[in-house]
Amino acid sequence: LSYIALRHGDAAGVMTMGAERNFLPPRKGADAVNGILNHVYDIQPERIEVDYISAATDLAVRQRRRPLVVMLTNVRAEDTDQLLPAVRLPSHKHLVMIASLRERALDDTLASPIRNHTDALTYAATQQYLDSRRETHKLLAASGVHFEDCLCDELPAAITNRYLAIKRAGLL
């Protein structure tokens, strides 16, 4: 996405929001992609609860210009209380896109045949989980967030297409 944004004349930067917060300010130019790659090459996923409000506050302080903020995360219903105020905080001057990474196991569970009581309970629980997750996604979209719910292998195309649609609509 950074490469595409740079090719369209936009600046690109990165901020992580895990246990350690790293910030690379947006910049333009041919060397910006290499700078981003060097900045993120050793970032590893962490099993921690993200403080979305703190991250949004930090970004609002660091980034004064109106950027498109692309958040890569796994949005679940239990995130609503933190995530809604966090996306509203910068949204008065930032355009927010959330790419929520859905676990393939959820789709696989729904596609599996139901052969017994345990399979039926697993199917029902998975469907209930996905329904509550979809409600959270709807709340975020109603707050003006551009939202993508996708599997990891669908992520590059999904966020690139959304970015290009935002550009075509003249929102940036």
N, C-alpha and C. Protein backbone atom coordinates (compact mmCIF):
# COMPACT_ATOMS: atom_id res chain seq x y z
N LEU A 1 0.83 -1.19 0.00
CA LEU A 1 0.00 0.00 0.00
C LEU A 1 0.87 1.25 0.00
N SER A 2 1.95 1.24 0.77
CA SER A 2 2.85 2.39 0.79
C SER A 2 3.41 2.67 -0.59
N TYR A 3 3.80 1.63 -1.29
CA TYR A 3 4.34 1.78 -2.64
C TYR A 3 3.31 2.43 -3.56
N ILE A 4 2.07 1.94 -3.52
CA ILE A 4 1.00 2.49 -4.36
C ILE A 4 0.73 3.95 -3.98
N ALA A 5 0.68 4.23 -2.68
CA ALA A 5 0.44 5.61 -2.24
C ALA A 5 1.55 6.54 -2.72
N LEU A 6 2.78 6.09 -2.62
CA LEU A 6 3.90 6.91 -3.08
C LEU A 6 3.83 7.13 -4.59
N ARG A 7 3.42 6.12 -5.33
CA ARG A 7 3.29 6.24 -6.79
C ARG A 7 2.18 7.22 -7.17
N HIS A 8 1.22 7.41 -6.26
CA HIS A 8 0.13 8.37 -6.50
C HIS A 8 0.42 9.75 -5.91
N GLY A 9 1.65 9.97 -5.50
CA GLY A 9 2.06 11.28 -5.01
C GLY A 9 1.79 11.54 -3.54
N ASP A 10 1.33 10.53 -2.81
CA ASP A 10 1.09 10.70 -1.38
C ASP A 10 2.34 10.32 -0.59
N ALA A 11 2.42 10.80 0.61
CA ALA A 11 3.49 10.41 1.52
C ALA A 11 3.05 9.15 2.26
N ALA A 12 4.01 8.39 2.76
CA ALA A 12 3.70 7.18 3.51
C ALA A 12 4.61 7.10 4.73
N GLY A 13 4.03 6.65 5.84
CA GLY A 13 4.76 6.46 7.09
C GLY A 13 4.17 5.29 7.83
N VAL A 14 4.72 5.00 9.01
CA VAL A 14 4.29 3.84 9.78
C VAL A 14 4.32 4.17 11.27
N MET A 15 3.32 3.64 11.99
CA MET A 15 3.35 3.67 13.45
C MET A 15 2.84 2.33 13.94
N THR A 16 3.59 1.71 14.83
CA THR A 16 3.12 0.47 15.44
C THR A 16 2.44 0.83 16.75
N MET A 17 1.51 -0.04 17.19
CA MET A 17 0.77 0.28 18.40
C MET A 17 0.72 -0.89 19.37
N GLY A 18 1.78 -1.67 19.41
CA GLY A 18 1.87 -2.78 20.35
C GLY A 18 2.50 -2.33 21.65
N ALA A 19 3.21 -3.23 22.29
CA ALA A 19 3.87 -2.90 23.56
C ALA A 19 4.89 -1.78 23.35
N GLU A 20 5.55 -1.82 22.21
CA GLU A 20 6.52 -0.78 21.86
C GLU A 20 5.95 0.02 20.70
N ARG A 21 5.88 1.33 20.85
CA ARG A 21 5.33 2.18 19.80
C ARG A 21 6.47 2.79 19.01
N ASN A 22 6.49 2.50 17.72
CA ASN A 22 7.49 3.06 16.81
C ASN A 22 6.78 3.95 15.80
N PHE A 23 7.41 5.06 15.47
CA PHE A 23 6.80 6.00 14.53
C PHE A 23 7.83 6.40 13.48
N LEU A 24 7.45 6.26 12.23
CA LEU A 24 8.24 6.76 11.11
C LEU A 24 7.35 7.77 10.41
N PRO A 25 7.68 9.06 10.47
CA PRO A 25 6.81 10.08 9.88
C PRO A 25 6.62 9.86 8.38
N PRO A 26 5.45 10.24 7.88
CA PRO A 26 5.20 10.11 6.44
C PRO A 26 6.19 10.96 5.65
N ARG A 27 6.62 10.39 4.53
CA ARG A 27 7.49 11.13 3.63
C ARG A 27 7.26 10.65 2.21
N LYS A 28 7.71 11.45 1.28
CA LYS A 28 7.56 11.14 -0.14
C LYS A 28 8.93 10.77 -0.70
N GLY A 29 8.92 10.28 -1.92
CA GLY A 29 10.17 10.03 -2.61
C GLY A 29 10.46 8.55 -2.81
N ALA A 30 11.41 8.31 -3.69
CA ALA A 30 11.76 6.94 -4.08
C ALA A 30 12.34 6.14 -2.93
N ASP A 31 13.01 6.79 -2.01
CA ASP A 31 13.64 6.05 -0.91
C ASP A 31 12.69 5.80 0.27
N ALA A 32 11.46 6.30 0.18
CA ALA A 32 10.51 6.14 1.29
C ALA A 32 10.13 4.68 1.51
N VAL A 33 9.96 3.89 0.45
CA VAL A 33 9.61 2.48 0.62
C VAL A 33 10.73 1.75 1.34
N ASN A 34 11.97 1.99 0.96
CA ASN A 34 13.09 1.35 1.66
C ASN A 34 13.14 1.77 3.12
N GLY A 35 12.86 3.03 3.39
CA GLY A 35 12.83 3.49 4.78
C GLY A 35 11.76 2.77 5.59
N ILE A 36 10.59 2.58 4.99
CA ILE A 36 9.51 1.86 5.67
C ILE A 36 9.90 0.41 5.90
N LEU A 37 10.44 -0.24 4.86
CA LEU A 37 10.86 -1.64 5.02
C LEU A 37 11.92 -1.79 6.09
N ASN A 38 12.86 -0.88 6.13
CA ASN A 38 13.90 -0.93 7.17
C ASN A 38 13.31 -0.70 8.55
N HIS A 39 12.26 0.10 8.61
CA HIS A 39 11.64 0.42 9.89
C HIS A 39 10.81 -0.75 10.45
N VAL A 40 10.22 -1.55 9.57
CA VAL A 40 9.30 -2.60 10.03
C VAL A 40 9.83 -4.02 9.89
N TYR A 41 11.04 -4.20 9.37
CA TYR A 41 11.50 -5.55 9.03
C TYR A 41 11.52 -6.50 10.22
N ASP A 42 11.73 -6.01 11.42
CA ASP A 42 11.84 -6.90 12.58
C ASP A 42 10.65 -6.83 13.53
N ILE A 43 9.57 -6.20 13.09
CA ILE A 43 8.37 -6.13 13.93
C ILE A 43 7.71 -7.50 13.96
N GLN A 44 7.37 -7.94 15.15
CA GLN A 44 6.73 -9.24 15.34
C GLN A 44 5.36 -9.04 16.00
N PRO A 45 4.40 -9.90 15.68
CA PRO A 45 3.10 -9.80 16.36
C PRO A 45 3.25 -10.11 17.84
N GLU A 46 2.40 -9.48 18.63
CA GLU A 46 2.45 -9.67 20.07
C GLU A 46 1.07 -10.05 20.59
N ARG A 47 1.04 -10.85 21.62
CA ARG A 47 -0.23 -11.24 22.25
C ARG A 47 -0.51 -10.31 23.42
N ILE A 48 -0.84 -9.07 23.08
CA ILE A 48 -1.15 -8.09 24.12
C ILE A 48 -2.42 -7.35 23.72
N GLU A 49 -3.06 -6.76 24.68
CA GLU A 49 -4.22 -5.93 24.40
C GLU A 49 -3.72 -4.55 23.98
N VAL A 50 -4.17 -4.09 22.83
CA VAL A 50 -3.73 -2.81 22.31
C VAL A 50 -4.53 -1.69 22.96
N ASP A 51 -3.83 -0.65 23.35
CA ASP A 51 -4.48 0.55 23.89
C ASP A 51 -4.75 1.49 22.71
N TYR A 52 -5.92 1.31 22.09
CA TYR A 52 -6.26 2.07 20.89
C TYR A 52 -6.34 3.57 21.16
N ILE A 53 -6.87 3.95 22.30
CA ILE A 53 -7.02 5.38 22.61
C ILE A 53 -5.66 6.04 22.76
N SER A 54 -4.74 5.40 23.45
CA SER A 54 -3.40 5.94 23.60
C SER A 54 -2.70 6.05 22.25
N ALA A 55 -2.85 5.04 21.41
CA ALA A 55 -2.23 5.07 20.08
C ALA A 55 -2.81 6.20 19.23
N ALA A 56 -4.13 6.38 19.28
CA ALA A 56 -4.77 7.44 18.50
C ALA A 56 -4.35 8.82 18.99
N THR A 57 -4.25 8.96 20.31
CA THR A 57 -3.79 10.24 20.88
C THR A 57 -2.36 10.53 20.45
N ASP A 58 -1.51 9.52 20.52
CA ASP A 58 -0.11 9.67 20.11
C ASP A 58 -0.02 10.06 18.64
N LEU A 59 -0.81 9.42 17.80
CA LEU A 59 -0.79 9.74 16.37
C LEU A 59 -1.28 11.16 16.12
N ALA A 60 -2.34 11.57 16.81
CA ALA A 60 -2.88 12.92 16.63
C ALA A 60 -1.85 13.98 17.00
N VAL A 61 -1.04 13.70 18.01
CA VAL A 61 0.01 14.64 18.42
C VAL A 61 1.14 14.66 17.39
N ARG A 62 1.52 13.49 16.91
CA ARG A 62 2.66 13.37 15.99
C ARG A 62 2.34 13.80 14.57
N GLN A 63 1.11 13.55 14.13
CA GLN A 63 0.76 13.79 12.73
C GLN A 63 -0.29 14.90 12.65
N ARG A 64 0.15 16.09 12.31
CA ARG A 64 -0.73 17.25 12.27
C ARG A 64 -1.51 17.35 10.97
N ARG A 65 -0.92 16.92 9.87
CA ARG A 65 -1.60 17.01 8.58
C ARG A 65 -2.68 15.94 8.49
N ARG A 66 -3.62 16.10 7.59
CA ARG A 66 -4.75 15.17 7.46
C ARG A 66 -4.35 13.96 6.63
N PRO A 67 -3.97 12.89 7.28
CA PRO A 67 -3.59 11.69 6.52
C PRO A 67 -4.73 10.67 6.48
N LEU A 68 -4.51 9.67 5.65
CA LEU A 68 -5.30 8.45 5.71
C LEU A 68 -4.57 7.56 6.68
N VAL A 69 -5.25 7.19 7.76
CA VAL A 69 -4.68 6.29 8.76
C VAL A 69 -5.22 4.90 8.46
N VAL A 70 -4.32 3.96 8.20
CA VAL A 70 -4.71 2.58 7.93
C VAL A 70 -4.30 1.75 9.13
N MET A 71 -5.29 1.17 9.79
CA MET A 71 -5.02 0.37 10.98
C MET A 71 -5.21 -1.11 10.64
N LEU A 72 -4.15 -1.89 10.84
CA LEU A 72 -4.22 -3.33 10.64
C LEU A 72 -4.37 -3.97 12.01
N THR A 73 -5.48 -4.67 12.22
CA THR A 73 -5.76 -5.27 13.51
C THR A 73 -6.75 -6.40 13.33
N ASN A 74 -7.21 -6.97 14.41
CA ASN A 74 -8.26 -7.99 14.39
C ASN A 74 -9.37 -7.47 15.28
N VAL A 75 -10.37 -6.85 14.67
CA VAL A 75 -11.45 -6.21 15.42
C VAL A 75 -12.45 -7.26 15.90
N ARG A 76 -12.68 -7.25 17.20
CA ARG A 76 -13.67 -8.15 17.81
C ARG A 76 -14.66 -7.29 18.59
N ALA A 77 -15.79 -7.89 18.93
CA ALA A 77 -16.85 -7.15 19.64
C ALA A 77 -16.33 -6.56 20.95
N GLU A 78 -15.46 -7.27 21.63
CA GLU A 78 -14.96 -6.77 22.92
C GLU A 78 -14.05 -5.56 22.77
N ASP A 79 -13.67 -5.21 21.53
CA ASP A 79 -12.83 -4.04 21.29
C ASP A 79 -13.63 -2.75 21.16
N THR A 80 -14.94 -2.85 21.07
CA THR A 80 -15.79 -1.70 20.76
C THR A 80 -15.59 -0.54 21.72
N ASP A 81 -15.55 -0.81 23.02
CA ASP A 81 -15.46 0.27 24.01
C ASP A 81 -14.18 1.10 23.85
N GLN A 82 -13.11 0.49 23.41
CA GLN A 82 -11.85 1.22 23.22
C GLN A 82 -11.71 1.76 21.81
N LEU A 83 -12.15 0.95 20.84
CA LEU A 83 -11.89 1.30 19.44
C LEU A 83 -12.74 2.45 18.93
N LEU A 84 -14.02 2.49 19.30
CA LEU A 84 -14.88 3.58 18.83
C LEU A 84 -14.37 4.96 19.25
N PRO A 85 -14.05 5.18 20.53
CA PRO A 85 -13.52 6.51 20.87
C PRO A 85 -12.16 6.78 20.23
N ALA A 86 -11.38 5.73 20.01
CA ALA A 86 -10.06 5.91 19.41
C ALA A 86 -10.17 6.37 17.96
N VAL A 87 -11.09 5.79 17.18
CA VAL A 87 -11.20 6.21 15.78
C VAL A 87 -11.88 7.56 15.66
N ARG A 88 -12.67 7.93 16.65
CA ARG A 88 -13.31 9.25 16.62
C ARG A 88 -12.32 10.34 17.00
N LEU A 89 -11.33 10.02 17.80
CA LEU A 89 -10.36 11.02 18.26
C LEU A 89 -9.64 11.69 17.10
N PRO A 90 -8.99 10.91 16.22
CA PRO A 90 -8.31 11.59 15.12
C PRO A 90 -9.20 11.87 13.93
N SER A 91 -10.43 11.34 13.90
CA SER A 91 -11.21 11.38 12.67
C SER A 91 -11.66 12.78 12.27
N HIS A 92 -11.64 13.73 13.20
CA HIS A 92 -12.03 15.08 12.80
C HIS A 92 -11.01 15.66 11.83
N LYS A 93 -9.80 15.14 11.84
CA LYS A 93 -8.83 15.62 10.86
C LYS A 93 -8.15 14.48 10.10
N HIS A 94 -8.38 13.26 10.50
CA HIS A 94 -7.78 12.11 9.83
C HIS A 94 -8.89 11.27 9.19
N LEU A 95 -8.57 10.67 8.08
CA LEU A 95 -9.45 9.70 7.44
C LEU A 95 -8.96 8.32 7.90
N VAL A 96 -9.86 7.51 8.43
CA VAL A 96 -9.46 6.24 9.04
C VAL A 96 -9.97 5.06 8.23
N MET A 97 -9.06 4.12 7.95
CA MET A 97 -9.41 2.84 7.34
C MET A 97 -8.92 1.74 8.29
N ILE A 98 -9.80 0.81 8.60
CA ILE A 98 -9.41 -0.33 9.42
C ILE A 98 -9.47 -1.58 8.56
N ALA A 99 -8.37 -2.30 8.55
CA ALA A 99 -8.34 -3.61 7.90
C ALA A 99 -8.32 -4.63 9.04
N SER A 100 -9.44 -5.29 9.20
CA SER A 100 -9.59 -6.27 10.27
C SER A 100 -9.27 -7.65 9.70
N LEU A 101 -8.25 -8.26 10.26
CA LEU A 101 -7.80 -9.56 9.77
C LEU A 101 -8.62 -10.67 10.42
N ARG A 102 -9.36 -11.37 9.58
CA ARG A 102 -10.22 -12.46 10.03
C ARG A 102 -9.45 -13.78 9.97
N GLU A 103 -9.64 -14.59 10.98
CA GLU A 103 -8.94 -15.87 11.03
C GLU A 103 -9.57 -16.85 10.04
N ARG A 104 -8.75 -17.52 9.26
CA ARG A 104 -9.23 -18.50 8.28
C ARG A 104 -10.01 -19.63 8.97
N ALA A 105 -9.65 -19.97 10.20
CA ALA A 105 -10.33 -21.05 10.92
C ALA A 105 -11.83 -20.77 11.07
N LEU A 106 -12.21 -19.51 11.15
CA LEU A 106 -13.63 -19.17 11.25
C LEU A 106 -14.37 -19.56 9.98
N ASP A 107 -13.81 -19.18 8.85
CA ASP A 107 -14.43 -19.53 7.57
C ASP A 107 -14.44 -21.05 7.38
N ASP A 108 -13.35 -21.70 7.76
CA ASP A 108 -13.26 -23.15 7.62
C ASP A 108 -14.31 -23.85 8.47
N THR A 109 -14.54 -23.34 9.67
CA THR A 109 -15.55 -23.93 10.56
C THR A 109 -16.94 -23.84 9.94
N LEU A 110 -17.27 -22.69 9.38
CA LEU A 110 -18.59 -22.52 8.76
C LEU A 110 -18.75 -23.37 7.51
N ALA A 111 -17.65 -23.66 6.83
CA ALA A 111 -17.71 -24.46 5.61
C ALA A 111 -17.70 -25.97 5.89
N SER A 112 -17.37 -26.36 7.11
CA SER A 112 -17.28 -27.78 7.46
C SER A 112 -18.67 -28.39 7.61
N PRO A 113 -18.81 -29.66 7.22
CA PRO A 113 -20.10 -30.32 7.40
C PRO A 113 -20.41 -30.54 8.89
N ILE A 114 -21.68 -30.48 9.21
CA ILE A 114 -22.12 -30.72 10.59
C ILE A 114 -22.53 -32.18 10.68
N ARG A 115 -21.77 -32.94 11.45
CA ARG A 115 -22.00 -34.38 11.54
C ARG A 115 -22.53 -34.83 12.90
N ASN A 116 -22.35 -33.97 13.90
CA ASN A 116 -22.78 -34.38 15.24
C ASN A 116 -23.11 -33.13 16.08
N HIS A 117 -23.49 -33.37 17.31
CA HIS A 117 -23.88 -32.30 18.22
C HIS A 117 -22.73 -31.31 18.46
N THR A 118 -21.54 -31.82 18.64
CA THR A 118 -20.38 -30.96 18.88
C THR A 118 -20.12 -30.06 17.68
N ASP A 119 -20.23 -30.62 16.46
CA ASP A 119 -20.06 -29.81 15.25
C ASP A 119 -21.12 -28.71 15.18
N ALA A 120 -22.35 -29.04 15.56
CA ALA A 120 -23.43 -28.05 15.53
C ALA A 120 -23.18 -26.92 16.52
N LEU A 121 -22.72 -27.28 17.72
CA LEU A 121 -22.40 -26.26 18.71
C LEU A 121 -21.24 -25.37 18.26
N THR A 122 -20.23 -25.98 17.67
CA THR A 122 -19.09 -25.22 17.17
C THR A 122 -19.53 -24.26 16.06
N TYR A 123 -20.37 -24.75 15.17
CA TYR A 123 -20.89 -23.92 14.08
C TYR A 123 -21.69 -22.75 14.65
N ALA A 124 -22.58 -23.03 15.59
CA ALA A 124 -23.43 -21.97 16.17
C ALA A 124 -22.59 -20.94 16.93
N ALA A 125 -21.60 -21.40 17.67
CA ALA A 125 -20.74 -20.48 18.42
C ALA A 125 -19.93 -19.60 17.46
N THR A 126 -19.43 -20.20 16.39
CA THR A 126 -18.66 -19.44 15.41
C THR A 126 -19.55 -18.40 14.74
N GLN A 127 -20.76 -18.79 14.39
CA GLN A 127 -21.69 -17.86 13.75
C GLN A 127 -22.04 -16.71 14.70
N GLN A 128 -22.25 -17.02 15.96
CA GLN A 128 -22.56 -15.99 16.95
C GLN A 128 -21.38 -15.03 17.11
N TYR A 129 -20.17 -15.57 17.15
CA TYR A 129 -18.97 -14.74 17.26
C TYR A 129 -18.87 -13.81 16.04
N LEU A 130 -19.07 -14.35 14.85
CA LEU A 130 -18.97 -13.54 13.64
C LEU A 130 -20.08 -12.49 13.57
N ASP A 131 -21.27 -12.83 14.05
CA ASP A 131 -22.37 -11.85 14.08
C ASP A 131 -22.03 -10.68 14.99
N SER A 132 -21.48 -10.96 16.17
CA SER A 132 -21.12 -9.88 17.08
C SER A 132 -19.97 -9.04 16.51
N ARG A 133 -19.08 -9.69 15.83
CA ARG A 133 -17.97 -9.00 15.18
C ARG A 133 -18.49 -8.09 14.06
N ARG A 134 -19.46 -8.58 13.28
CA ARG A 134 -20.05 -7.77 12.22
C ARG A 134 -20.77 -6.54 12.78
N GLU A 135 -21.41 -6.68 13.93
CA GLU A 135 -22.06 -5.53 14.56
C GLU A 135 -21.03 -4.45 14.91
N THR A 136 -19.88 -4.87 15.42
CA THR A 136 -18.81 -3.92 15.71
C THR A 136 -18.34 -3.24 14.44
N HIS A 137 -18.21 -4.01 13.37
CA HIS A 137 -17.80 -3.44 12.09
C HIS A 137 -18.80 -2.40 11.61
N LYS A 138 -20.10 -2.68 11.79
CA LYS A 138 -21.14 -1.73 11.39
C LYS A 138 -21.06 -0.44 12.20
N LEU A 139 -20.80 -0.57 13.49
CA LEU A 139 -20.65 0.62 14.34
C LEU A 139 -19.48 1.47 13.88
N LEU A 140 -18.38 0.83 13.53
CA LEU A 140 -17.21 1.57 13.06
C LEU A 140 -17.50 2.26 11.72
N ALA A 141 -18.15 1.54 10.83
CA ALA A 141 -18.50 2.13 9.53
C ALA A 141 -19.45 3.31 9.70
N ALA A 142 -20.39 3.20 10.65
CA ALA A 142 -21.32 4.30 10.92
C ALA A 142 -20.59 5.51 11.50
N SER A 143 -19.41 5.29 12.07
CA SER A 143 -18.60 6.38 12.61
C SER A 143 -17.71 7.02 11.55
N GLY A 144 -17.87 6.60 10.31
CA GLY A 144 -17.10 7.18 9.22
C GLY A 144 -15.82 6.43 8.89
N VAL A 145 -15.61 5.30 9.51
CA VAL A 145 -14.41 4.51 9.25
C VAL A 145 -14.60 3.71 7.96
N HIS A 146 -13.60 3.73 7.11
CA HIS A 146 -13.59 2.86 5.93
C HIS A 146 -13.11 1.51 6.42
N PHE A 147 -13.87 0.47 6.13
CA PHE A 147 -13.63 -0.81 6.80
C PHE A 147 -13.44 -1.94 5.81
N GLU A 148 -12.44 -2.77 6.05
CA GLU A 148 -12.21 -4.00 5.28
C GLU A 148 -12.09 -5.14 6.28
N ASP A 149 -12.84 -6.20 6.06
CA ASP A 149 -12.73 -7.42 6.86
C ASP A 149 -12.24 -8.50 5.91
N CYS A 150 -11.03 -8.98 6.13
CA CYS A 150 -10.46 -9.89 5.15
C CYS A 150 -9.49 -10.88 5.79
N LEU A 151 -9.21 -11.93 5.04
CA LEU A 151 -8.17 -12.88 5.42
C LEU A 151 -6.82 -12.26 5.10
N CYS A 152 -5.77 -12.77 5.74
CA CYS A 152 -4.43 -12.19 5.53
C CYS A 152 -4.02 -12.17 4.06
N ASP A 153 -4.33 -13.24 3.33
CA ASP A 153 -3.91 -13.28 1.93
C ASP A 153 -4.73 -12.34 1.05
N GLU A 154 -5.85 -11.84 1.54
CA GLU A 154 -6.67 -10.88 0.81
C GLU A 154 -6.30 -9.43 1.14
N LEU A 155 -5.49 -9.25 2.18
CA LEU A 155 -5.19 -7.91 2.71
C LEU A 155 -4.60 -6.95 1.68
N PRO A 156 -3.52 -7.31 0.98
CA PRO A 156 -2.93 -6.31 0.06
C PRO A 156 -3.92 -5.77 -0.96
N ALA A 157 -4.67 -6.65 -1.61
CA ALA A 157 -5.63 -6.19 -2.62
C ALA A 157 -6.76 -5.38 -1.98
N ALA A 158 -7.24 -5.82 -0.82
CA ALA A 158 -8.36 -5.13 -0.17
C ALA A 158 -8.01 -3.70 0.21
N ILE A 159 -6.86 -3.50 0.84
CA ILE A 159 -6.53 -2.14 1.28
C ILE A 159 -6.10 -1.26 0.11
N THR A 160 -5.47 -1.87 -0.88
CA THR A 160 -5.09 -1.09 -2.07
C THR A 160 -6.33 -0.64 -2.82
N ASN A 161 -7.28 -1.53 -3.02
CA ASN A 161 -8.52 -1.15 -3.71
C ASN A 161 -9.28 -0.09 -2.94
N ARG A 162 -9.32 -0.21 -1.62
CA ARG A 162 -10.03 0.79 -0.81
C ARG A 162 -9.32 2.14 -0.90
N TYR A 163 -7.99 2.14 -0.81
CA TYR A 163 -7.21 3.37 -0.95
C TYR A 163 -7.50 4.04 -2.30
N LEU A 164 -7.49 3.25 -3.37
CA LEU A 164 -7.74 3.81 -4.70
C LEU A 164 -9.16 4.36 -4.81
N ALA A 165 -10.13 3.70 -4.20
CA ALA A 165 -11.50 4.21 -4.20
C ALA A 165 -11.58 5.53 -3.43
N ILE A 166 -10.88 5.63 -2.32
CA ILE A 166 -10.84 6.87 -1.55
C ILE A 166 -10.21 8.00 -2.38
N LYS A 167 -9.15 7.68 -3.09
CA LYS A 167 -8.50 8.68 -3.96
C LYS A 167 -9.46 9.12 -5.07
N ARG A 168 -10.12 8.15 -5.73
CA ARG A 168 -11.05 8.48 -6.82
C ARG A 168 -12.20 9.36 -6.31
N ALA A 169 -12.61 9.12 -5.07
CA ALA A 169 -13.72 9.91 -4.49
C ALA A 169 -13.26 11.30 -4.05
N GLY A 170 -11.97 11.56 -4.11
CA GLY A 170 -11.45 12.88 -3.75
C GLY A 170 -11.47 13.13 -2.25
N LEU A 171 -11.41 12.08 -1.46
CA LEU A 171 -11.47 12.23 0.00
C LEU A 171 -10.11 12.57 0.63
N LEU A 172 -9.05 12.38 -0.12
CA LEU A 172 -7.71 12.73 0.39
C LEU A 172 -7.23 14.04 -0.18
